[in-house]
Amino acid sequence: MTTLENAAAVLKLFSTQGIRQGHPGLSFSDVVENLKLPKSTVSRLLMTMETQGLLERDQDSRLYRIGKLLLAVSSHYLSVPLVDSVSPYMTQLSQLTQCTGYVSMLEGRDIMVMRMFPGRTYLQVVTPAGSLLPAHETAIGRAILARFSDEEVVQRFNGEYQVNSVNSPANMDLLLTRLAEVRQTGLSFANNETLQGISSLATSIFNKHRNETVGLCLSFPSPEQGKNIPKGIKEGLIAVTRQVAEKLGDEYWQ
């Protein structure tokens, strides 16, 4: 293994050993035992990582903690608004799947479109950024609502539940059933709801460091009756969602 690979292996130990903030840290012996490297190699490796700011060593306990350089970098990444963090991923995903992509946030009982990413597939009707749509009548809205408990969802609507599309959940009980399905798979699907001839597949991501939740969505022409979602859309959306969720520590996707 290269020095970089060994350094990465050391940093991964903080995760695999469950070492979080407030934990004393990793010992020299922990690293030797887990990496199966000679003590001399580990000694040089840890010294280099400490010098470069990747690790810090407590003067009393001699245990290693995550260094200031990594903390500064991660703090900067996690402080970026979630909409901005996911946008590069959605740009690429829209191009790969040829679908129109969206990033939206929950606003009361509605979702607000924050970003739109045109795909190569021509859609006659698109929903521009700034648009408000009923959350319960969209795939992306239900993906976000599924993050709440049934009690919180019922309280959010406060008895004022109505639908405009015959393809949307007709009442609160049906909505809760749909949300339960979303919680099981992480995926939310809408077929000819907000727009006739348009289907959408959506997920949601939570950034606990900023207490933000966004929905990610791909829209495409509705499949003909009896046909499945076009190949690559589901797989691509899940892959992107998991990739971002892992970086943010979103346990919903672990």
Protein backbone atom coordinates (compact mmCIF):
# COMPACT_ATOMS: atom_id res chain seq x y z
CA MET A 1 0.00 0.00 0.00
CA THR A 2 1.13 3.55 -0.67
CA THR A 3 1.56 6.16 2.03
CA LEU A 4 -1.67 7.83 0.89
CA GLU A 5 -3.56 4.53 1.11
CA ASN A 6 -2.16 3.90 4.59
CA ALA A 7 -3.15 7.39 5.71
CA ALA A 8 -6.66 6.84 4.38
CA ALA A 9 -6.81 3.54 6.24
CA VAL A 10 -5.87 5.31 9.49
CA LEU A 11 -8.62 7.90 8.99
CA LYS A 12 -11.17 5.16 8.25
CA LEU A 13 -10.37 3.64 11.63
CA PHE A 14 -12.03 6.62 13.29
CA SER A 15 -15.26 5.54 11.65
CA THR A 16 -14.95 1.77 12.01
CA GLN A 17 -13.89 2.07 15.66
CA GLY A 18 -16.78 4.42 16.41
CA ILE A 19 -14.48 7.25 17.53
CA ARG A 20 -16.54 10.43 17.60
CA GLN A 21 -16.18 13.87 19.16
CA GLY A 22 -15.45 13.50 22.87
CA HIS A 23 -13.82 10.07 22.46
CA PRO A 24 -10.21 9.88 23.77
CA GLY A 25 -8.86 8.80 20.38
CA LEU A 26 -6.79 6.14 18.62
CA SER A 27 -3.69 4.65 20.13
CA PHE A 28 -0.49 3.66 18.36
CA SER A 29 -1.34 0.03 19.16
CA ASP A 30 -4.80 0.39 17.61
CA VAL A 31 -3.25 1.42 14.31
CA VAL A 32 -0.60 -1.31 14.34
CA GLU A 33 -3.15 -4.00 15.16
CA ASN A 34 -5.73 -2.96 12.58
CA LEU A 35 -3.45 -2.07 9.68
CA LYS A 36 -1.09 -5.04 10.22
CA LEU A 37 1.94 -2.87 9.49
CA PRO A 38 5.39 -2.85 11.10
CA LYS A 39 5.66 -0.53 14.10
CA SER A 40 8.38 1.50 12.40
CA THR A 41 6.12 2.11 9.38
CA VAL A 42 3.19 3.14 11.59
CA SER A 43 5.42 5.45 13.60
CA ARG A 44 6.60 7.30 10.48
CA LEU A 45 3.07 7.38 9.05
CA LEU A 46 1.49 8.87 12.18
CA MET A 47 4.28 11.41 12.54
CA THR A 48 3.78 12.57 8.94
CA MET A 49 0.00 12.79 9.37
CA GLU A 50 0.47 14.82 12.55
CA THR A 51 2.94 17.16 10.86
CA GLN A 52 0.54 17.76 7.95
CA GLY A 53 -2.41 18.52 10.23
CA LEU A 54 -4.35 15.34 9.49
CA LEU A 55 -3.99 14.14 13.07
CA GLU A 56 -3.38 15.66 16.49
CA ARG A 57 -1.81 13.86 19.45
CA ASP A 58 -2.82 14.49 23.03
CA GLN A 59 0.29 15.28 25.07
CA ASP A 60 -0.98 13.46 28.15
CA SER A 61 -2.78 10.37 26.81
CA ARG A 62 -0.64 10.11 23.62
CA LEU A 63 -3.82 9.23 21.71
CA TYR A 64 -4.52 10.52 18.22
CA ARG A 65 -7.50 12.65 17.19
CA ILE A 66 -8.61 14.13 13.88
CA GLY A 67 -6.41 17.11 13.03
CA LYS A 68 -7.37 20.73 12.50
CA LEU A 69 -6.80 20.61 8.74
CA LEU A 70 -9.42 17.89 8.22
CA LEU A 71 -11.82 19.57 10.61
CA ALA A 72 -11.49 22.87 8.77
CA VAL A 73 -12.08 21.24 5.37
CA SER A 74 -15.07 19.20 6.57
CA SER A 75 -16.56 22.21 8.35
CA HIS A 76 -16.37 24.23 5.14
CA TYR A 77 -18.00 21.44 3.12
CA LEU A 78 -20.78 20.81 5.62
CA SER A 79 -21.57 24.53 5.98
CA VAL A 80 -22.41 24.90 2.29
CA PRO A 81 -26.19 25.10 1.69
CA LEU A 82 -27.50 21.68 0.72
CA VAL A 83 -29.05 23.00 -2.49
CA ASP A 84 -25.62 24.13 -3.67
CA SER A 85 -23.93 20.90 -2.53
CA VAL A 86 -26.18 18.64 -4.59
CA SER A 87 -26.41 20.83 -7.70
CA PRO A 88 -23.22 19.58 -9.43
CA TYR A 89 -24.37 15.99 -8.94
CA MET A 90 -27.80 16.74 -10.38
CA THR A 91 -26.30 18.54 -13.36
CA GLN A 92 -24.29 15.46 -14.26
CA LEU A 93 -27.18 13.09 -13.51
CA SER A 94 -29.56 15.00 -15.77
CA GLN A 95 -27.07 14.80 -18.60
CA LEU A 96 -26.45 11.09 -18.10
CA THR A 97 -30.12 10.10 -17.83
CA GLN A 98 -31.39 12.72 -20.31
CA CYS A 99 -34.06 13.62 -17.73
CA THR A 100 -35.02 17.02 -16.36
CA GLY A 101 -33.70 17.25 -12.81
CA TYR A 102 -34.99 19.25 -9.86
CA VAL A 103 -33.89 20.15 -6.35
CA SER A 104 -36.71 21.33 -4.09
CA MET A 105 -37.36 22.23 -0.46
CA LEU A 106 -40.48 22.01 1.68
CA GLU A 107 -42.35 25.25 2.33
CA GLY A 108 -45.32 24.55 4.59
CA ARG A 109 -47.58 22.21 2.59
CA ASP A 110 -45.85 23.03 -0.68
CA ILE A 111 -42.51 22.31 -2.24
CA MET A 112 -40.51 25.12 -3.80
CA VAL A 113 -38.37 24.34 -6.82
CA MET A 114 -34.89 25.65 -6.00
CA ARG A 115 -32.96 24.43 -9.05
CA MET A 116 -33.89 22.97 -12.42
CA PHE A 117 -31.48 21.00 -14.63
CA PRO A 118 -32.60 20.54 -18.24
CA GLY A 119 -31.99 17.10 -19.67
CA ARG A 120 -31.54 16.15 -23.28
CA THR A 121 -35.02 14.62 -23.49
CA TYR A 122 -37.38 17.31 -24.77
CA LEU A 123 -40.24 18.04 -22.36
CA GLN A 124 -42.86 20.47 -23.58
CA VAL A 125 -43.65 21.56 -20.02
CA VAL A 126 -41.07 22.21 -17.30
CA THR A 127 -41.36 23.65 -13.80
CA PRO A 128 -38.98 26.61 -13.36
CA ALA A 129 -37.11 27.50 -10.18
CA GLY A 130 -39.29 29.42 -7.74
CA SER A 131 -42.44 27.44 -8.53
CA LEU A 132 -44.63 26.22 -5.67
CA LEU A 133 -46.44 22.89 -5.95
CA PRO A 134 -48.54 20.90 -3.44
CA ALA A 135 -46.11 18.60 -1.65
CA HIS A 136 -48.56 15.70 -1.40
CA GLU A 137 -49.16 15.74 -5.17
CA THR A 138 -45.52 15.46 -6.21
CA ALA A 139 -42.93 12.72 -5.98
CA ILE A 140 -40.35 15.11 -4.56
CA GLY A 141 -42.79 16.47 -1.98
CA ARG A 142 -43.68 13.00 -0.74
CA ALA A 143 -39.99 12.08 -0.61
CA ILE A 144 -39.48 14.95 1.85
CA LEU A 145 -42.73 14.39 3.79
CA ALA A 146 -41.68 10.78 4.37
CA ARG A 147 -38.93 12.12 6.61
CA PHE A 148 -41.60 13.18 9.11
CA SER A 149 -43.71 10.94 11.32
CA ASP A 150 -47.36 10.33 10.41
CA GLU A 151 -48.38 12.54 13.33
CA GLU A 152 -46.24 15.41 12.06
CA VAL A 153 -47.65 15.06 8.55
CA VAL A 154 -51.26 15.10 9.83
CA GLN A 155 -50.48 18.14 11.97
CA ARG A 156 -48.87 19.92 9.01
CA PHE A 157 -52.10 19.67 6.96
CA ASN A 158 -54.32 20.41 9.97
CA GLY A 159 -57.40 18.89 8.36
CA GLU A 160 -57.05 20.96 5.16
CA TYR A 161 -56.34 18.20 2.67
CA GLN A 162 -57.44 18.42 -0.93
CA VAL A 163 -56.08 17.25 -4.26
CA ASN A 164 -56.20 18.52 -7.82
CA SER A 165 -55.09 15.36 -9.63
CA VAL A 166 -57.04 12.12 -9.78
CA ASN A 167 -53.71 10.28 -9.69
CA SER A 168 -52.63 11.78 -6.35
CA PRO A 169 -53.50 10.27 -2.94
CA ALA A 170 -57.17 11.20 -2.54
CA ASN A 171 -57.13 11.53 1.25
CA MET A 172 -54.80 11.63 4.23
CA ASP A 173 -54.97 7.88 4.85
CA LEU A 174 -53.86 7.17 1.29
CA LEU A 175 -51.08 9.75 1.59
CA LEU A 176 -49.79 8.09 4.77
CA THR A 177 -49.83 4.74 2.99
CA ARG A 178 -47.75 6.20 0.16
CA LEU A 179 -45.32 7.75 2.65
CA ALA A 180 -44.87 4.40 4.38
CA GLU A 181 -43.87 2.91 1.02
CA VAL A 182 -41.38 5.74 0.47
CA ARG A 183 -39.79 5.10 3.87
CA GLN A 184 -39.25 1.45 2.96
CA THR A 185 -37.53 2.08 -0.36
CA GLY A 186 -36.31 5.68 -0.10
CA LEU A 187 -37.93 6.30 -3.50
CA SER A 188 -41.03 8.32 -4.34
CA PHE A 189 -42.81 7.95 -7.68
CA ALA A 190 -45.45 10.15 -9.33
CA ASN A 191 -47.18 9.23 -12.57
CA ASN A 192 -49.28 11.83 -14.41
CA GLU A 193 -50.00 13.86 -11.29
CA THR A 194 -48.84 17.47 -11.54
CA LEU A 195 -48.48 17.23 -15.33
CA GLN A 196 -50.17 14.78 -17.67
CA GLY A 197 -47.68 12.71 -19.61
CA ILE A 198 -44.89 13.37 -17.11
CA SER A 199 -43.61 11.01 -14.43
CA SER A 200 -41.09 11.72 -11.68
CA LEU A 201 -38.87 9.73 -9.38
CA ALA A 202 -37.53 11.41 -6.24
CA THR A 203 -35.43 10.94 -3.11
CA SER A 204 -34.53 13.17 -0.16
CA ILE A 205 -31.33 14.05 1.69
CA PHE A 206 -30.87 15.55 5.15
CA ASN A 207 -27.90 17.63 6.27
CA LYS A 208 -27.93 17.44 10.07
CA HIS A 209 -25.16 20.02 10.28
CA ARG A 210 -27.45 22.70 8.83
CA ASN A 211 -30.79 21.05 9.64
CA GLU A 212 -31.72 21.14 5.95
CA THR A 213 -33.66 18.66 3.85
CA VAL A 214 -33.92 18.76 0.08
CA GLY A 215 -35.59 16.53 -2.47
CA LEU A 216 -33.87 15.31 -5.61
CA CYS A 217 -36.04 14.50 -8.61
CA LEU A 218 -35.79 13.29 -12.19
CA SER A 219 -38.73 13.90 -14.53
CA PHE A 220 -39.33 12.09 -17.82
CA PRO A 221 -42.13 11.24 -20.25
CA SER A 222 -44.49 8.76 -18.58
CA PRO A 223 -43.84 5.15 -19.58
CA GLU A 224 -46.52 3.48 -21.61
CA GLN A 225 -48.98 1.40 -19.60
CA GLY A 226 -47.38 -1.79 -18.37
CA LYS A 227 -43.83 -0.56 -18.90
CA ASN A 228 -41.27 0.15 -16.20
CA ILE A 229 -39.29 3.31 -15.51
CA PRO A 230 -36.63 3.71 -18.24
CA LYS A 231 -33.36 1.98 -17.40
CA GLY A 232 -30.73 4.01 -15.58
CA ILE A 233 -33.02 6.60 -13.98
CA LYS A 234 -33.65 4.75 -10.72
CA GLU A 235 -30.09 3.44 -10.46
CA GLY A 236 -28.56 6.85 -11.18
CA LEU A 237 -30.75 8.71 -8.71
CA ILE A 238 -30.07 6.22 -5.93
CA ALA A 239 -26.31 6.30 -6.60
CA VAL A 240 -26.16 10.10 -6.42
CA THR A 241 -28.34 10.21 -3.33
CA ARG A 242 -26.23 7.63 -1.50
CA GLN A 243 -23.02 9.40 -2.49
CA VAL A 244 -24.13 12.75 -1.06
CA ALA A 245 -25.83 11.16 1.95
CA GLU A 246 -22.65 9.32 2.89
CA LYS A 247 -20.65 12.54 2.87
CA LEU A 248 -23.24 14.25 5.07
CA GLY A 249 -23.71 11.31 7.44
CA ASP A 250 -27.40 10.95 6.54
CA GLU A 251 -28.20 7.66 8.31
CA TYR A 252 -31.48 7.37 6.39
CA TRP A 253 -29.46 6.04 3.43
CA GLN A 254 -26.96 3.91 5.33
